[in-house]
Amino acid sequence: MMKLLPDQRLPRTAGELLNRAGINTIYVGKTGYAAAQNYMILQVGMNS
């Protein structure tokens, strides 16, 4: 299963469409890492 962890650069409507298409999409802002450095966000994505 494909998973995406997009940040604020991807419109939320695009994330909703991806979810409907079967791609698990969770926004970084919903994980509590909205202000984190990219390497931290990458680790979150790799561990989930």
Protein backbone atom coordinates (compact mmCIF):
# COMPACT_ATOMS: atom_id res chain seq x y z
CA MET A 1 0.00 0.00 0.00
CA MET A 2 1.29 3.43 -0.91
CA LYS A 3 1.44 6.13 1.77
CA LEU A 4 2.06 9.86 1.40
CA LEU A 5 3.00 12.38 4.05
CA PRO A 6 2.57 15.73 2.25
CA ASP A 7 3.18 19.14 3.76
CA GLN A 8 1.30 22.39 3.21
CA ARG A 9 2.53 22.69 -0.38
CA LEU A 10 0.00 20.08 -1.52
CA PRO A 11 -3.59 21.38 -1.42
CA ARG A 12 -5.82 19.52 1.02
CA THR A 13 -8.27 18.81 -1.79
CA ALA A 14 -5.54 16.87 -3.60
CA GLY A 15 -4.95 14.82 -0.46
CA GLU A 16 -8.65 14.03 -0.23
CA LEU A 17 -8.67 12.85 -3.85
CA LEU A 18 -5.63 10.67 -3.22
CA ASN A 19 -7.33 9.11 -0.20
CA ARG A 20 -10.38 8.30 -2.32
CA ALA A 21 -8.07 6.66 -4.86
CA GLY A 22 -6.75 4.34 -2.15
CA ILE A 23 -3.51 6.15 -1.33
CA ASN A 24 -3.12 6.71 2.40
CA THR A 25 -2.46 10.46 2.70
CA ILE A 26 -1.85 12.12 6.07
CA TYR A 27 -0.82 15.78 6.26
CA VAL A 28 2.29 16.65 8.21
CA GLY A 29 0.31 19.27 10.12
CA LYS A 30 -1.94 16.56 11.55
CA THR A 31 1.07 14.69 12.94
CA GLY A 32 2.36 17.59 15.03
CA TYR A 33 5.43 18.09 12.82
CA ALA A 34 4.26 21.10 10.79
CA ALA A 35 7.24 23.23 11.89
CA ALA A 36 9.80 20.40 11.93
CA GLN A 37 12.90 20.15 9.76
CA ASN A 38 12.61 18.01 6.63
CA TYR A 39 14.81 15.23 8.01
CA MET A 40 12.48 14.85 11.02
CA ILE A 41 9.42 14.66 8.75
CA LEU A 42 11.19 12.04 6.63
CA GLN A 43 11.80 9.93 9.73
CA VAL A 44 8.14 10.17 10.69
CA GLY A 45 7.17 8.96 7.24
CA MET A 46 9.64 6.09 7.32
CA ASN A 47 8.47 4.95 10.76
CA SER A 48 4.76 4.98 10.02
